[in-house]
């Protein structure tokens, strides 16, 4: 496999991973967790008012960061590179590096909001959230917030 193919495959895979992570983080709802989903989570975890506010802040932060990344997507630049007879590897790497830098810049905001929310949870709430996330990742793959509440 030549170097150009590796760069193209690496770029596509990287963008796919970033898109997948953003989609997972927002529960498949166009950059936001639907209101009824967060209410469901708040009821399931029996959140108090402060915890609900932390959850709302987390939702807002994730939505804002996803929107910023979506608006600054280098789709046209990539398509321009692919329309050339020979792929400009330096430009492709520069586009990829710029994208990774943007993600690294926004990651601390999301992690801080996530930490604020999870740090406010009790041990029981944290265990329920962990169980929900385990179900989401395994048995009920693709169903927002882990699907049915069965044990």
N, C-alpha and C. Protein backbone atom coordinates (compact mmCIF):
# COMPACT_ATOMS: atom_id res chain seq x y z
N UNK A 1 0.86 -1.17 0.00
CA UNK A 1 0.00 0.00 0.00
C UNK A 1 0.91 1.23 0.00
N UNK A 2 0.64 2.15 -0.91
CA UNK A 2 1.53 3.31 -0.97
C UNK A 2 1.13 4.37 0.05
N UNK A 3 1.98 5.36 0.17
CA UNK A 3 1.84 6.38 1.20
C UNK A 3 0.55 7.19 1.05
N UNK A 4 0.16 7.48 -0.18
CA UNK A 4 -1.05 8.27 -0.44
C UNK A 4 -2.29 7.54 0.06
N UNK A 5 -2.36 6.25 -0.24
CA UNK A 5 -3.51 5.46 0.21
C UNK A 5 -3.57 5.42 1.73
N UNK A 6 -2.41 5.28 2.37
CA UNK A 6 -2.38 5.25 3.83
C UNK A 6 -2.88 6.56 4.42
N UNK A 7 -2.50 7.68 3.82
CA UNK A 7 -2.94 8.98 4.32
C UNK A 7 -4.44 9.15 4.13
N UNK A 8 -4.95 8.75 2.97
CA UNK A 8 -6.39 8.86 2.71
C UNK A 8 -7.16 7.99 3.70
N UNK A 9 -6.72 6.75 3.85
CA UNK A 9 -7.40 5.84 4.77
C UNK A 9 -7.31 6.37 6.19
N UNK A 10 -6.14 6.86 6.59
CA UNK A 10 -5.98 7.42 7.93
C UNK A 10 -6.88 8.61 8.17
N UNK A 11 -7.01 9.47 7.16
CA UNK A 11 -7.87 10.65 7.28
C UNK A 11 -9.33 10.24 7.43
N UNK A 12 -9.77 9.32 6.56
CA UNK A 12 -11.17 8.88 6.62
C UNK A 12 -11.46 8.18 7.94
N UNK A 13 -10.57 7.32 8.38
CA UNK A 13 -10.78 6.61 9.65
C UNK A 13 -10.80 7.60 10.81
N UNK A 14 -9.88 8.54 10.81
CA UNK A 14 -9.83 9.54 11.90
C UNK A 14 -11.10 10.37 11.95
N UNK A 15 -11.56 10.83 10.80
CA UNK A 15 -12.79 11.62 10.77
C UNK A 15 -13.98 10.77 11.21
N UNK A 16 -13.96 9.49 10.84
CA UNK A 16 -15.03 8.59 11.27
C UNK A 16 -15.05 8.40 12.78
N UNK A 17 -13.86 8.26 13.35
CA UNK A 17 -13.77 8.09 14.81
C UNK A 17 -14.26 9.34 15.52
N UNK A 18 -13.82 10.51 15.05
CA UNK A 18 -14.25 11.77 15.67
C UNK A 18 -15.76 11.94 15.55
N UNK A 19 -16.29 11.65 14.38
CA UNK A 19 -17.74 11.74 14.19
C UNK A 19 -18.50 10.76 15.06
N UNK A 20 -17.97 9.55 15.19
CA UNK A 20 -18.60 8.54 16.04
C UNK A 20 -18.60 8.93 17.50
N UNK A 21 -17.48 9.46 17.95
CA UNK A 21 -17.42 9.91 19.34
C UNK A 21 -18.39 11.06 19.60
N UNK A 22 -18.45 11.99 18.67
CA UNK A 22 -19.38 13.11 18.84
C UNK A 22 -20.82 12.62 18.86
N UNK A 23 -21.13 11.67 17.99
CA UNK A 23 -22.48 11.12 17.95
C UNK A 23 -22.80 10.37 19.23
N UNK A 24 -21.87 9.57 19.71
CA UNK A 24 -22.08 8.84 20.96
C UNK A 24 -22.28 9.80 22.13
N UNK A 25 -21.48 10.86 22.15
CA UNK A 25 -21.55 11.81 23.27
C UNK A 25 -22.86 12.57 23.29
N UNK A 26 -23.52 12.69 22.15
CA UNK A 26 -24.76 13.45 22.10
C UNK A 26 -25.98 12.57 21.94
N UNK A 27 -25.83 11.30 22.12
CA UNK A 27 -26.96 10.34 22.09
C UNK A 27 -27.74 10.39 20.79
N UNK A 28 -27.05 10.54 19.67
CA UNK A 28 -27.64 10.44 18.33
C UNK A 28 -28.74 11.45 18.05
N UNK A 29 -28.65 12.63 18.58
CA UNK A 29 -29.74 13.58 18.35
C UNK A 29 -29.25 14.92 17.86
N UNK A 30 -28.50 14.93 16.77
CA UNK A 30 -28.14 16.14 16.07
C UNK A 30 -27.44 17.18 16.92
N UNK A 31 -26.54 16.80 17.79
CA UNK A 31 -25.78 17.76 18.57
C UNK A 31 -26.38 18.09 19.91
N UNK A 32 -27.43 17.41 20.28
CA UNK A 32 -28.02 17.71 21.58
C UNK A 32 -28.68 16.44 22.12
N UNK A 33 -28.75 16.35 23.41
CA UNK A 33 -29.52 15.28 24.02
C UNK A 33 -30.94 15.82 24.13
N UNK A 34 -31.89 15.10 23.57
CA UNK A 34 -33.26 15.58 23.61
C UNK A 34 -33.71 15.82 25.04
N UNK A 35 -34.60 16.76 25.20
CA UNK A 35 -35.08 17.14 26.51
C UNK A 35 -35.64 15.93 27.27
N UNK A 36 -36.44 15.12 26.60
CA UNK A 36 -37.02 13.97 27.30
C UNK A 36 -35.96 12.95 27.68
N UNK A 37 -34.84 12.90 26.95
CA UNK A 37 -33.76 11.98 27.32
C UNK A 37 -33.08 12.44 28.60
N UNK A 38 -32.83 13.74 28.73
CA UNK A 38 -32.19 14.23 29.94
C UNK A 38 -33.15 14.14 31.13
N UNK A 39 -34.45 14.33 30.87
CA UNK A 39 -35.43 14.16 31.94
C UNK A 39 -35.48 12.69 32.38
N UNK A 40 -35.41 11.81 31.42
CA UNK A 40 -35.37 10.38 31.73
C UNK A 40 -34.15 10.07 32.60
N UNK A 41 -32.98 10.59 32.21
CA UNK A 41 -31.76 10.36 32.97
C UNK A 41 -31.88 10.96 34.37
N UNK A 42 -32.42 12.17 34.45
CA UNK A 42 -32.59 12.82 35.75
C UNK A 42 -33.53 12.02 36.65
N UNK A 43 -34.61 11.50 36.09
CA UNK A 43 -35.54 10.69 36.87
C UNK A 43 -34.93 9.35 37.25
N UNK A 44 -34.24 8.72 36.31
CA UNK A 44 -33.64 7.41 36.57
C UNK A 44 -32.59 7.50 37.67
N UNK A 45 -31.78 8.57 37.65
CA UNK A 45 -30.74 8.74 38.66
C UNK A 45 -31.23 9.48 39.90
N UNK A 46 -32.49 9.97 39.85
CA UNK A 46 -33.07 10.72 40.95
C UNK A 46 -32.17 11.92 41.32
N UNK A 47 -31.91 12.77 40.31
CA UNK A 47 -31.02 13.91 40.49
C UNK A 47 -31.68 15.03 41.28
N UNK A 48 -30.89 15.74 42.07
CA UNK A 48 -31.40 16.93 42.75
C UNK A 48 -31.22 18.13 41.81
N UNK A 49 -31.64 19.31 42.26
CA UNK A 49 -31.61 20.49 41.39
C UNK A 49 -30.20 20.86 40.94
N UNK A 50 -29.23 20.77 41.82
CA UNK A 50 -27.85 21.10 41.46
C UNK A 50 -27.33 20.12 40.41
N UNK A 51 -27.62 18.85 40.58
CA UNK A 51 -27.18 17.83 39.63
C UNK A 51 -27.86 18.02 38.27
N UNK A 52 -29.14 18.39 38.30
CA UNK A 52 -29.84 18.67 37.05
C UNK A 52 -29.21 19.85 36.32
N UNK A 53 -28.80 20.87 37.07
CA UNK A 53 -28.13 22.02 36.46
C UNK A 53 -26.79 21.60 35.86
N UNK A 54 -26.05 20.74 36.54
CA UNK A 54 -24.78 20.24 36.02
C UNK A 54 -24.99 19.41 34.75
N UNK A 55 -26.06 18.62 34.71
CA UNK A 55 -26.40 17.86 33.52
C UNK A 55 -26.75 18.80 32.37
N UNK A 56 -27.52 19.84 32.66
CA UNK A 56 -27.88 20.81 31.63
C UNK A 56 -26.63 21.51 31.09
N UNK A 57 -25.70 21.83 31.97
CA UNK A 57 -24.45 22.46 31.54
C UNK A 57 -23.64 21.50 30.65
N UNK A 58 -23.62 20.23 31.01
CA UNK A 58 -22.93 19.23 30.20
C UNK A 58 -23.55 19.14 28.81
N UNK A 59 -24.88 19.08 28.75
CA UNK A 59 -25.58 19.04 27.46
C UNK A 59 -25.24 20.25 26.60
N UNK A 60 -25.26 21.45 27.21
CA UNK A 60 -24.98 22.68 26.49
C UNK A 60 -23.55 22.70 25.97
N UNK A 61 -22.62 22.27 26.80
CA UNK A 61 -21.21 22.25 26.40
C UNK A 61 -20.98 21.29 25.25
N UNK A 62 -21.52 20.09 25.34
CA UNK A 62 -21.35 19.11 24.26
C UNK A 62 -21.97 19.63 22.97
N UNK A 63 -23.17 20.18 23.05
CA UNK A 63 -23.84 20.69 21.86
C UNK A 63 -23.05 21.83 21.21
N UNK A 64 -22.53 22.74 22.02
CA UNK A 64 -21.77 23.87 21.48
C UNK A 64 -20.48 23.40 20.81
N UNK A 65 -19.79 22.47 21.43
CA UNK A 65 -18.54 21.98 20.86
C UNK A 65 -18.79 21.19 19.58
N UNK A 66 -19.84 20.38 19.57
CA UNK A 66 -20.15 19.62 18.36
C UNK A 66 -20.53 20.56 17.23
N UNK A 67 -21.31 21.58 17.55
CA UNK A 67 -21.70 22.55 16.52
C UNK A 67 -20.47 23.27 15.96
N UNK A 68 -19.56 23.66 16.82
CA UNK A 68 -18.34 24.34 16.37
C UNK A 68 -17.52 23.43 15.46
N UNK A 69 -17.41 22.15 15.82
CA UNK A 69 -16.65 21.23 14.98
C UNK A 69 -17.36 20.96 13.66
N UNK A 70 -18.68 20.90 13.70
CA UNK A 70 -19.44 20.66 12.47
C UNK A 70 -19.33 21.85 11.52
N UNK A 71 -19.39 23.06 12.07
CA UNK A 71 -19.30 24.26 11.23
C UNK A 71 -17.91 24.44 10.62
N UNK A 72 -16.90 23.97 11.29
CA UNK A 72 -15.52 24.13 10.82
C UNK A 72 -14.99 22.85 10.17
N UNK A 73 -15.86 22.04 9.64
CA UNK A 73 -15.44 20.77 9.03
C UNK A 73 -14.71 21.06 7.72
N UNK A 74 -13.57 20.41 7.50
CA UNK A 74 -12.78 20.67 6.30
C UNK A 74 -13.23 19.87 5.07
N UNK A 75 -14.50 19.60 4.97
CA UNK A 75 -15.02 18.77 3.88
C UNK A 75 -14.62 19.29 2.50
N UNK A 76 -14.79 20.60 2.28
CA UNK A 76 -14.46 21.15 0.96
C UNK A 76 -12.96 21.06 0.69
N UNK A 77 -12.15 21.28 1.71
CA UNK A 77 -10.70 21.17 1.53
C UNK A 77 -10.32 19.74 1.15
N UNK A 78 -10.90 18.77 1.82
CA UNK A 78 -10.60 17.37 1.52
C UNK A 78 -11.06 17.03 0.11
N UNK A 79 -12.26 17.46 -0.25
CA UNK A 79 -12.77 17.19 -1.60
C UNK A 79 -11.87 17.85 -2.65
N UNK A 80 -11.37 19.05 -2.33
CA UNK A 80 -10.46 19.72 -3.25
C UNK A 80 -9.17 18.94 -3.44
N UNK A 81 -8.66 18.39 -2.35
CA UNK A 81 -7.44 17.58 -2.44
C UNK A 81 -7.69 16.32 -3.26
N UNK A 82 -8.85 15.72 -3.08
CA UNK A 82 -9.16 14.48 -3.79
C UNK A 82 -9.43 14.72 -5.27
N UNK A 83 -9.79 15.94 -5.64
CA UNK A 83 -10.06 16.23 -7.05
C UNK A 83 -8.78 16.50 -7.84
N UNK A 84 -7.67 16.70 -7.16
CA UNK A 84 -6.39 16.91 -7.82
C UNK A 84 -5.88 15.58 -8.37
N UNK A 85 -5.09 15.63 -9.45
CA UNK A 85 -4.56 14.38 -10.01
C UNK A 85 -3.61 13.65 -9.05
N UNK A 86 -2.94 14.41 -8.18
CA UNK A 86 -2.01 13.82 -7.22
C UNK A 86 -2.31 14.44 -5.85
N UNK A 87 -2.49 13.61 -4.85
CA UNK A 87 -2.82 14.09 -3.51
C UNK A 87 -1.65 14.85 -2.90
N UNK A 88 -1.92 16.05 -2.45
CA UNK A 88 -0.90 16.85 -1.76
C UNK A 88 -0.85 16.37 -0.31
N UNK A 89 0.14 15.56 -0.01
CA UNK A 89 0.23 14.92 1.29
C UNK A 89 0.44 15.93 2.41
N UNK A 90 1.21 16.96 2.15
CA UNK A 90 1.46 17.97 3.18
C UNK A 90 0.18 18.70 3.55
N UNK A 91 -0.63 19.05 2.55
CA UNK A 91 -1.91 19.72 2.84
C UNK A 91 -2.85 18.79 3.59
N UNK A 92 -2.87 17.51 3.20
CA UNK A 92 -3.74 16.54 3.88
C UNK A 92 -3.34 16.41 5.34
N UNK A 93 -2.05 16.31 5.59
CA UNK A 93 -1.59 16.22 6.98
C UNK A 93 -1.88 17.51 7.75
N UNK A 94 -1.75 18.65 7.08
CA UNK A 94 -2.04 19.93 7.74
C UNK A 94 -3.51 20.02 8.13
N UNK A 95 -4.39 19.56 7.23
CA UNK A 95 -5.83 19.57 7.52
C UNK A 95 -6.12 18.66 8.71
N UNK A 96 -5.53 17.48 8.68
CA UNK A 96 -5.75 16.52 9.77
C UNK A 96 -5.21 17.06 11.09
N UNK A 97 -4.02 17.65 11.07
CA UNK A 97 -3.44 18.22 12.29
C UNK A 97 -4.28 19.37 12.82
N UNK A 98 -4.82 20.19 11.93
CA UNK A 98 -5.68 21.30 12.35
C UNK A 98 -6.93 20.78 13.03
N UNK A 99 -7.48 19.71 12.47
CA UNK A 99 -8.69 19.10 13.05
C UNK A 99 -8.41 18.53 14.44
N UNK A 100 -7.29 17.82 14.58
CA UNK A 100 -6.92 17.26 15.87
C UNK A 100 -6.65 18.35 16.89
N UNK A 101 -6.05 19.44 16.46
CA UNK A 101 -5.78 20.56 17.37
C UNK A 101 -7.09 21.17 17.86
N UNK A 102 -8.06 21.31 16.97
CA UNK A 102 -9.37 21.85 17.37
C UNK A 102 -10.04 20.93 18.40
N UNK A 103 -9.94 19.64 18.19
CA UNK A 103 -10.54 18.69 19.13
C UNK A 103 -9.82 18.75 20.47
N UNK A 104 -8.50 18.81 20.44
CA UNK A 104 -7.73 18.89 21.68
C UNK A 104 -8.02 20.19 22.43
N UNK A 105 -8.30 21.25 21.70
CA UNK A 105 -8.61 22.53 22.33
C UNK A 105 -9.96 22.49 23.04
N UNK A 106 -10.93 21.82 22.43
CA UNK A 106 -12.27 21.79 23.02
C UNK A 106 -12.45 20.69 24.06
N UNK A 107 -11.60 19.69 24.05
CA UNK A 107 -11.75 18.56 24.96
C UNK A 107 -11.76 18.97 26.43
N UNK A 108 -10.89 19.89 26.90
CA UNK A 108 -10.92 20.24 28.32
C UNK A 108 -12.25 20.82 28.77
N UNK A 109 -12.95 21.56 27.91
CA UNK A 109 -14.26 22.12 28.27
C UNK A 109 -15.26 21.00 28.52
N UNK A 110 -15.26 20.03 27.62
CA UNK A 110 -16.21 18.92 27.75
C UNK A 110 -15.87 18.07 28.97
N UNK A 111 -14.59 17.79 29.16
CA UNK A 111 -14.17 16.98 30.30
C UNK A 111 -14.49 17.69 31.61
N UNK A 112 -14.29 19.00 31.67
CA UNK A 112 -14.61 19.76 32.88
C UNK A 112 -16.10 19.69 33.18
N UNK A 113 -16.94 19.88 32.16
CA UNK A 113 -18.39 19.79 32.36
C UNK A 113 -18.79 18.38 32.78
N UNK A 114 -18.16 17.37 32.17
CA UNK A 114 -18.47 15.99 32.53
C UNK A 114 -18.04 15.70 33.97
N UNK A 115 -16.88 16.19 34.35
CA UNK A 115 -16.38 15.97 35.71
C UNK A 115 -17.27 16.67 36.73
N UNK A 116 -17.71 17.88 36.41
CA UNK A 116 -18.60 18.61 37.32
C UNK A 116 -19.87 17.81 37.56
N UNK A 117 -20.43 17.24 36.49
CA UNK A 117 -21.66 16.47 36.63
C UNK A 117 -21.40 15.18 37.41
N UNK A 118 -20.41 14.41 36.99
CA UNK A 118 -20.20 13.11 37.64
C UNK A 118 -19.69 13.25 39.07
N UNK A 119 -18.93 14.31 39.37
CA UNK A 119 -18.45 14.52 40.74
C UNK A 119 -19.59 14.87 41.69
N UNK A 120 -20.68 15.40 41.14
CA UNK A 120 -21.81 15.77 42.00
C UNK A 120 -22.71 14.58 42.31
N UNK A 121 -22.48 13.43 41.66
CA UNK A 121 -23.32 12.25 41.87
C UNK A 121 -22.92 11.52 43.15
N UNK A 122 -23.91 10.89 43.75
CA UNK A 122 -23.63 10.03 44.91
C UNK A 122 -23.07 8.70 44.39
N UNK A 123 -22.60 7.88 45.29
CA UNK A 123 -22.05 6.59 44.89
C UNK A 123 -23.11 5.72 44.22
N UNK A 124 -24.34 5.74 44.74
CA UNK A 124 -25.42 4.96 44.14
C UNK A 124 -25.76 5.47 42.74
N UNK A 125 -25.84 6.79 42.58
CA UNK A 125 -26.14 7.37 41.26
C UNK A 125 -25.03 7.04 40.27
N UNK A 126 -23.80 7.12 40.72
CA UNK A 126 -22.66 6.81 39.86
C UNK A 126 -22.72 5.34 39.41
N UNK A 127 -23.07 4.45 40.33
CA UNK A 127 -23.17 3.03 39.99
C UNK A 127 -24.29 2.80 38.98
N UNK A 128 -25.44 3.48 39.16
CA UNK A 128 -26.54 3.35 38.21
C UNK A 128 -26.13 3.88 36.83
N UNK A 129 -25.43 5.01 36.81
CA UNK A 129 -24.97 5.59 35.54
C UNK A 129 -23.99 4.65 34.85
N UNK A 130 -23.08 4.08 35.62
CA UNK A 130 -22.11 3.14 35.06
C UNK A 130 -22.82 1.93 34.48
N UNK A 131 -23.80 1.39 35.21
CA UNK A 131 -24.57 0.26 34.71
C UNK A 131 -25.31 0.59 33.43
N UNK A 132 -25.87 1.78 33.37
CA UNK A 132 -26.59 2.22 32.19
C UNK A 132 -25.63 2.30 31.00
N UNK A 133 -24.46 2.85 31.23
CA UNK A 133 -23.48 2.99 30.16
C UNK A 133 -22.96 1.63 29.70
N UNK A 134 -22.81 0.69 30.62
CA UNK A 134 -22.39 -0.66 30.24
C UNK A 134 -23.44 -1.33 29.38
N UNK A 135 -24.70 -1.17 29.73
CA UNK A 135 -25.77 -1.73 28.91
C UNK A 135 -25.79 -1.08 27.54
N UNK A 136 -25.56 0.23 27.50
CA UNK A 136 -25.56 0.95 26.23
C UNK A 136 -24.46 0.43 25.33
N UNK A 137 -23.31 0.14 25.89
CA UNK A 137 -22.18 -0.30 25.11
C UNK A 137 -22.23 -1.75 24.70
N UNK A 138 -23.07 -2.54 25.35
CA UNK A 138 -23.09 -3.97 25.07
C UNK A 138 -24.44 -4.43 24.55
N UNK A 139 -25.31 -4.78 25.46
CA UNK A 139 -26.58 -5.42 25.11
C UNK A 139 -27.48 -4.55 24.24
N UNK A 140 -27.57 -3.26 24.56
CA UNK A 140 -28.50 -2.40 23.85
C UNK A 140 -27.76 -1.41 22.96
N UNK A 141 -26.79 -1.89 22.22
CA UNK A 141 -25.98 -1.03 21.36
C UNK A 141 -26.91 -0.25 20.42
N UNK A 142 -26.70 1.07 20.40
CA UNK A 142 -27.45 1.93 19.51
C UNK A 142 -28.70 2.52 20.13
N UNK A 143 -29.07 2.09 21.32
CA UNK A 143 -30.26 2.63 21.95
C UNK A 143 -29.81 3.70 22.95
N UNK A 144 -30.31 4.94 22.81
CA UNK A 144 -29.88 6.00 23.70
C UNK A 144 -30.11 5.66 25.17
N UNK A 145 -29.13 5.92 25.99
CA UNK A 145 -29.15 5.71 27.43
C UNK A 145 -29.42 4.27 27.84
N UNK A 146 -29.01 3.33 26.98
CA UNK A 146 -29.03 1.93 27.40
C UNK A 146 -30.33 1.21 27.21
N UNK A 147 -31.32 1.82 26.59
CA UNK A 147 -32.56 1.11 26.32
C UNK A 147 -33.36 0.82 27.58
N UNK A 148 -34.03 -0.31 27.61
CA UNK A 148 -34.88 -0.66 28.75
C UNK A 148 -34.09 -0.71 30.07
N UNK A 149 -34.77 -0.46 31.15
CA UNK A 149 -34.12 -0.39 32.44
C UNK A 149 -33.97 -1.75 33.12
N UNK A 150 -34.25 -2.82 32.42
CA UNK A 150 -34.14 -4.14 33.04
C UNK A 150 -32.74 -4.42 33.56
N UNK A 151 -32.66 -5.26 34.56
CA UNK A 151 -31.35 -5.59 35.15
C UNK A 151 -30.58 -6.46 34.28
